[in-house]
C-alpha atoms as a PDB file:
ATOM      1  CA  MET A   1     -22.430  37.053   9.429  1.00  0.00           C
ATOM      2  CA  ALA A   2     -26.094  37.827   8.846  1.00  0.00           C
ATOM      3  CA  GLU A   3     -26.899  41.330   7.739  1.00  0.00           C
ATOM      4  CA  PRO A   4     -28.913  43.481  10.145  1.00  0.00           C
ATOM      5  CA  LEU A   5     -32.658  43.498   9.590  1.00  0.00           C
ATOM      6  CA  LYS A   6     -34.758  46.495  10.554  1.00  0.00           C
ATOM      7  CA  ILE A   7     -38.538  46.447  10.713  1.00  0.00           C
ATOM      8  CA  ARG A   8     -40.192  49.849  10.539  1.00  0.00           C
ATOM      9  CA  SER A   9     -43.530  51.422   9.696  1.00  0.00           C
ATOM     10  CA  ALA A  10     -43.975  51.933   5.979  1.00  0.00           C
ATOM     11  CA  ILE A  11     -44.140  55.463   4.611  1.00  0.00           C
ATOM     12  CA  ALA A  12     -45.833  56.686   1.434  1.00  0.00           C
ATOM     13  CA  THR A  13     -42.579  56.700  -0.549  1.00  0.00           C
ATOM     14  CA  ASP A  14     -42.268  52.925   0.114  1.00  0.00           C
ATOM     15  CA  ALA A  15     -45.431  52.139  -1.863  1.00  0.00           C
ATOM     16  CA  ASP A  16     -43.662  51.527  -5.193  1.00  0.00           C
ATOM     17  CA  ALA A  17     -41.102  49.186  -3.619  1.00  0.00           C
ATOM     18  CA  ILE A  18     -43.819  47.328  -1.694  1.00  0.00           C
ATOM     19  CA  HIS A  19     -45.863  46.919  -4.875  1.00  0.00           C
ATOM     20  CA  GLU A  20     -42.860  45.622  -6.829  1.00  0.00           C
ATOM     21  CA  LEU A  21     -41.885  43.206  -4.048  1.00  0.00           C
ATOM     22  CA  HIS A  22     -45.470  41.952  -3.646  1.00  0.00           C
ATOM     23  CA  THR A  23     -45.779  41.357  -7.400  1.00  0.00           C
ATOM     24  CA  LYS A  24     -42.491  39.436  -7.644  1.00  0.00           C
ATOM     25  CA  SER A  25     -43.266  37.425  -4.528  1.00  0.00           C
ATOM     26  CA  VAL A  26     -46.653  36.308  -5.849  1.00  0.00           C
ATOM     27  CA  GLN A  27     -45.281  35.557  -9.315  1.00  0.00           C
ATOM     28  CA  GLU A  28     -42.370  33.473  -8.058  1.00  0.00           C
ATOM     29  CA  LEU A  29     -43.267  32.048  -4.653  1.00  0.00           C
ATOM     30  CA  CYS A  30     -46.895  31.185  -5.445  1.00  0.00           C
ATOM     31  CA  ALA A  31     -46.235  29.690  -8.901  1.00  0.00           C
ATOM     32  CA  GLU A  32     -46.234  26.068  -7.702  1.00  0.00           C
ATOM     33  CA  HIS A  33     -49.693  26.395  -6.133  1.00  0.00           C
ATOM     34  CA  TYR A  34     -51.600  28.696  -8.501  1.00  0.00           C
ATOM     35  CA  THR A  35     -51.997  28.734 -12.273  1.00  0.00           C
ATOM     36  CA  PRO A  36     -50.475  31.499 -14.403  1.00  0.00           C
ATOM     37  CA  GLU A  37     -54.026  32.725 -15.078  1.00  0.00           C
ATOM     38  CA  GLN A  38     -54.793  32.904 -11.359  1.00  0.00           C
ATOM     39  CA  ILE A  39     -51.584  34.810 -10.647  1.00  0.00           C
ATOM     40  CA  ALA A  40     -52.177  37.243 -13.538  1.00  0.00           C
ATOM     41  CA  GLY A  41     -55.721  37.946 -12.368  1.00  0.00           C
ATOM     42  CA  TRP A  42     -54.623  38.258  -8.742  1.00  0.00           C
ATOM     43  CA  LEU A  43     -52.105  40.954  -9.671  1.00  0.00           C
ATOM     44  CA  LYS A  44     -54.038  42.642 -12.502  1.00  0.00           C
ATOM     45  CA  GLN A  45     -55.678  45.446 -10.536  1.00  0.00           C
ATOM     46  CA  ARG A  46     -52.903  46.037  -7.983  1.00  0.00           C
ATOM     47  CA  THR A  47     -51.163  49.410  -7.960  1.00  0.00           C
ATOM     48  CA  SER A  48     -48.721  51.180  -5.691  1.00  0.00           C
ATOM     49  CA  ALA A  49     -51.526  53.514  -4.629  1.00  0.00           C
ATOM     50  CA  GLY A  50     -53.433  50.537  -3.243  1.00  0.00           C
ATOM     51  CA  TYR A  51     -50.991  50.330  -0.337  1.00  0.00           C
ATOM     52  CA  LEU A  52     -51.378  53.974   0.686  1.00  0.00           C
ATOM     53  CA  PRO A  53     -54.513  53.615   2.853  1.00  0.00           C
ATOM     54  CA  GLY A  54     -52.830  50.901   4.949  1.00  0.00           C
ATOM     55  CA  ILE A  55     -49.652  52.946   5.147  1.00  0.00           C
ATOM     56  CA  GLU A  56     -51.593  56.036   6.235  1.00  0.00           C
ATOM     57  CA  ARG A  57     -53.356  54.009   8.967  1.00  0.00           C
ATOM     58  CA  ASN A  58     -49.913  52.760  10.127  1.00  0.00           C
ATOM     59  CA  GLU A  59     -50.905  49.125   9.451  1.00  0.00           C
ATOM     60  CA  ILE A  60     -48.187  48.288   6.896  1.00  0.00           C
ATOM     61  CA  PHE A  61     -44.565  47.792   7.862  1.00  0.00           C
ATOM     62  CA  VAL A  62     -41.418  46.846   5.974  1.00  0.00           C
ATOM     63  CA  ALA A  63     -38.291  44.817   6.622  1.00  0.00           C
ATOM     64  CA  GLU A  64     -35.113  46.526   5.477  1.00  0.00           C
ATOM     65  CA  ALA A  65     -31.615  45.154   5.066  1.00  0.00           C
ATOM     66  CA  HIS A  66     -28.957  47.712   4.167  1.00  0.00           C
ATOM     67  CA  PHE A  67     -31.697  50.249   3.293  1.00  0.00           C
ATOM     68  CA  GLU A  68     -33.363  47.866   0.814  1.00  0.00           C
ATOM     69  CA  ILE A  69     -36.938  46.709   1.399  1.00  0.00           C
ATOM     70  CA  VAL A  70     -36.772  42.897   1.519  1.00  0.00           C
ATOM     71  CA  GLY A  71     -40.267  42.188   2.855  1.00  0.00           C
ATOM     72  CA  PHE A  72     -43.456  43.753   4.127  1.00  0.00           C
ATOM     73  CA  GLY A  73     -46.374  42.949   6.356  1.00  0.00           C
ATOM     74  CA  HIS A  74     -49.843  44.272   7.087  1.00  0.00           C
ATOM     75  CA  ALA A  75     -51.671  43.670  10.355  1.00  0.00           C
ATOM     76  CA  ILE A  76     -54.547  45.023  12.419  1.00  0.00           C
ATOM     77  CA  PRO A  77     -55.795  43.960  15.852  1.00  0.00           C
ATOM     78  CA  GLY A  78     -57.000  40.374  15.532  1.00  0.00           C
ATOM     79  CA  GLU A  79     -55.746  39.742  12.001  1.00  0.00           C
ATOM     80  CA  VAL A  80     -52.584  39.367   9.949  1.00  0.00           C
ATOM     81  CA  LEU A  81     -53.445  40.637   6.477  1.00  0.00           C
ATOM     82  CA  ALA A  82     -50.130  40.053   4.687  1.00  0.00           C
ATOM     83  CA  VAL A  83     -46.574  38.815   5.073  1.00  0.00           C
ATOM     84  CA  PHE A  84     -44.511  38.825   1.888  1.00  0.00           C
ATOM     85  CA  VAL A  85     -40.772  38.457   1.333  1.00  0.00           C
ATOM     86  CA  ALA A  86     -38.690  39.210  -1.756  1.00  0.00           C
ATOM     87  CA  PRO A  87     -38.268  35.886  -3.601  1.00  0.00           C
ATOM     88  CA  ASP A  88     -34.478  36.104  -3.567  1.00  0.00           C
ATOM     89  CA  ARG A  89     -34.584  36.617   0.217  1.00  0.00           C
ATOM     90  CA  ALA A  90     -36.934  33.740   1.095  1.00  0.00           C
ATOM     91  CA  HIS A  91     -35.837  31.257   3.791  1.00  0.00           C
ATOM     92  CA  GLN A  92     -33.566  33.764   5.550  1.00  0.00           C
ATOM     93  CA  GLY A  93     -35.773  34.489   8.578  1.00  0.00           C
ATOM     94  CA  ILE A  94     -37.293  37.666   7.172  1.00  0.00           C
ATOM     95  CA  GLY A  95     -40.815  36.240   7.015  1.00  0.00           C
ATOM     96  CA  THR A  96     -40.478  34.976  10.576  1.00  0.00           C
ATOM     97  CA  ALA A  97     -39.410  38.433  11.784  1.00  0.00           C
ATOM     98  CA  LEU A  98     -42.266  40.081   9.882  1.00  0.00           C
ATOM     99  CA  LEU A  99     -44.793  37.616  11.271  1.00  0.00           C
ATOM    100  CA  ALA A 100     -43.555  38.230  14.828  1.00  0.00           C
ATOM    101  CA  HIS A 101     -44.058  41.968  14.303  1.00  0.00           C
ATOM    102  CA  ALA A 102     -47.491  41.345  12.766  1.00  0.00           C
ATOM    103  CA  MET A 103     -48.461  39.184  15.742  1.00  0.00           C
ATOM    104  CA  ASP A 104     -47.519  41.976  18.157  1.00  0.00           C
ATOM    105  CA  ILE A 105     -49.960  44.246  16.321  1.00  0.00           C
ATOM    106  CA  ALA A 106     -52.641  41.568  15.942  1.00  0.00           C
ATOM    107  CA  ARG A 107     -52.545  40.735  19.658  1.00  0.00           C
ATOM    108  CA  LYS A 108     -53.155  44.333  20.740  1.00  0.00           C
ATOM    109  CA  ASN A 109     -56.355  45.034  22.660  1.00  0.00           C
ATOM    110  CA  ALA A 110     -56.219  41.611  24.367  1.00  0.00           C
ATOM    111  CA  GLN A 111     -57.002  39.610  21.233  1.00  0.00           C
ATOM    112  CA  TRP A 112     -56.891  35.928  22.116  1.00  0.00           C
ATOM    113  CA  VAL A 113     -57.218  34.582  18.593  1.00  0.00           C
ATOM    114  CA  VAL A 114     -55.358  35.923  15.575  1.00  0.00           C
ATOM    115  CA  ARG A 115     -56.756  35.064  12.152  1.00  0.00           C
ATOM    116  CA  LEU A 116     -55.378  35.185   8.634  1.00  0.00           C
ATOM    117  CA  GLU A 117     -56.029  33.907   5.129  1.00  0.00           C
ATOM    118  CA  ALA A 118     -52.963  32.051   3.882  1.00  0.00           C
ATOM    119  CA  THR A 119     -52.011  31.346   0.317  1.00  0.00           C
ATOM    120  CA  LEU A 120     -51.520  27.631  -0.280  1.00  0.00           C
ATOM    121  CA  ASN A 121     -47.743  27.999  -0.509  1.00  0.00           C
ATOM    122  CA  ALA A 122     -47.591  29.674   2.932  1.00  0.00           C
ATOM    123  CA  GLN A 123     -49.487  27.007   4.889  1.00  0.00           C
ATOM    124  CA  LYS A 124     -46.422  25.294   6.362  1.00  0.00           C
ATOM    125  CA  PHE A 125     -44.814  28.646   7.255  1.00  0.00           C
ATOM    126  CA  TYR A 126     -47.846  29.647   9.306  1.00  0.00           C
ATOM    127  CA  GLU A 127     -48.233  26.188  10.835  1.00  0.00           C
ATOM    128  CA  ARG A 128     -44.638  26.393  12.112  1.00  0.00           C
ATOM    129  CA  ALA A 129     -45.660  29.647  13.829  1.00  0.00           C
ATOM    130  CA  GLY A 130     -48.580  27.956  15.605  1.00  0.00           C
ATOM    131  CA  PHE A 131     -51.452  28.631  13.211  1.00  0.00           C
ATOM    132  CA  VAL A 132     -53.940  25.888  12.390  1.00  0.00           C
ATOM    133  CA  VAL A 133     -56.211  25.578   9.365  1.00  0.00           C
ATOM    134  CA  ILE A 134     -59.836  26.148  10.322  1.00  0.00           C
ATOM    135  CA  ASP A 135     -61.336  26.229   6.833  1.00  0.00           C
ATOM    136  CA  GLY A 136     -60.522  26.140   3.146  1.00  0.00           C
ATOM    137  CA  LYS A 137     -62.150  28.879   1.136  1.00  0.00           C
ATOM    138  CA  THR A 138     -62.066  30.674  -2.176  1.00  0.00           C
ATOM    139  CA  VAL A 139     -61.540  34.412  -2.590  1.00  0.00           C
ATOM    140  CA  ARG A 140     -62.000  36.520  -5.690  1.00  0.00           C
ATOM    141  CA  ARG A 141     -59.112  38.753  -6.726  1.00  0.00           C
ATOM    142  CA  GLY A 142     -59.013  40.635 -10.010  1.00  0.00           C
ATOM    143  CA  GLY A 143     -61.697  38.488 -11.581  1.00  0.00           C
ATOM    144  CA  VAL A 144     -60.162  35.118 -10.671  1.00  0.00           C
ATOM    145  CA  TYR A 145     -60.902  32.721  -7.852  1.00  0.00           C
ATOM    146  CA  LEU A 146     -58.073  31.685  -5.552  1.00  0.00           C
ATOM    147  CA  PRO A 147     -58.152  28.897  -2.996  1.00  0.00           C
ATOM    148  CA  VAL A 148     -56.829  30.068   0.377  1.00  0.00           C
ATOM    149  CA  LEU A 149     -56.761  28.716   3.906  1.00  0.00           C
ATOM    150  CA  ALA A 150     -58.466  30.406   6.826  1.00  0.00           C
ATOM    151  CA  MET A 151     -56.089  29.919   9.756  1.00  0.00           C
ATOM    152  CA  GLU A 152     -55.971  30.997  13.368  1.00  0.00           C
ATOM    153  CA  CYS A 153     -53.537  31.062  16.250  1.00  0.00           C
ATOM    154  CA  LYS A 154     -54.548  31.177  19.910  1.00  0.00           C
END
């Protein structure tokens, strides 16, 4: 029997757990698509405090299973900014549930197109949800350049 999953708005005391989950997710789930140097640079300047503005604006939400944070998302009207799942919980439907919640937020205010920038490893996940690649681009994070995919869903 699958354990119950609860998605709720993040609160300030979740910031450390979100940061730890985000770090592990990038290190493990992105390792086949990005070099160790890219991953190290990507994560170098991240801190728990960096999540607080999004939490305070009620844009970040978490997925909990048995009171443990197993994923998080970040969305605003028109855009999904993040969907990350704990590496040991990947492929259990958590990302799908987080993306559905993110899409509810992104579609507010009659948005017809939702955009996001996907990491290379997440392309197929987003395509299964109806997103299409509209452009390949490079973003700078922590002094390194990372290829990402601009995607949208109508």
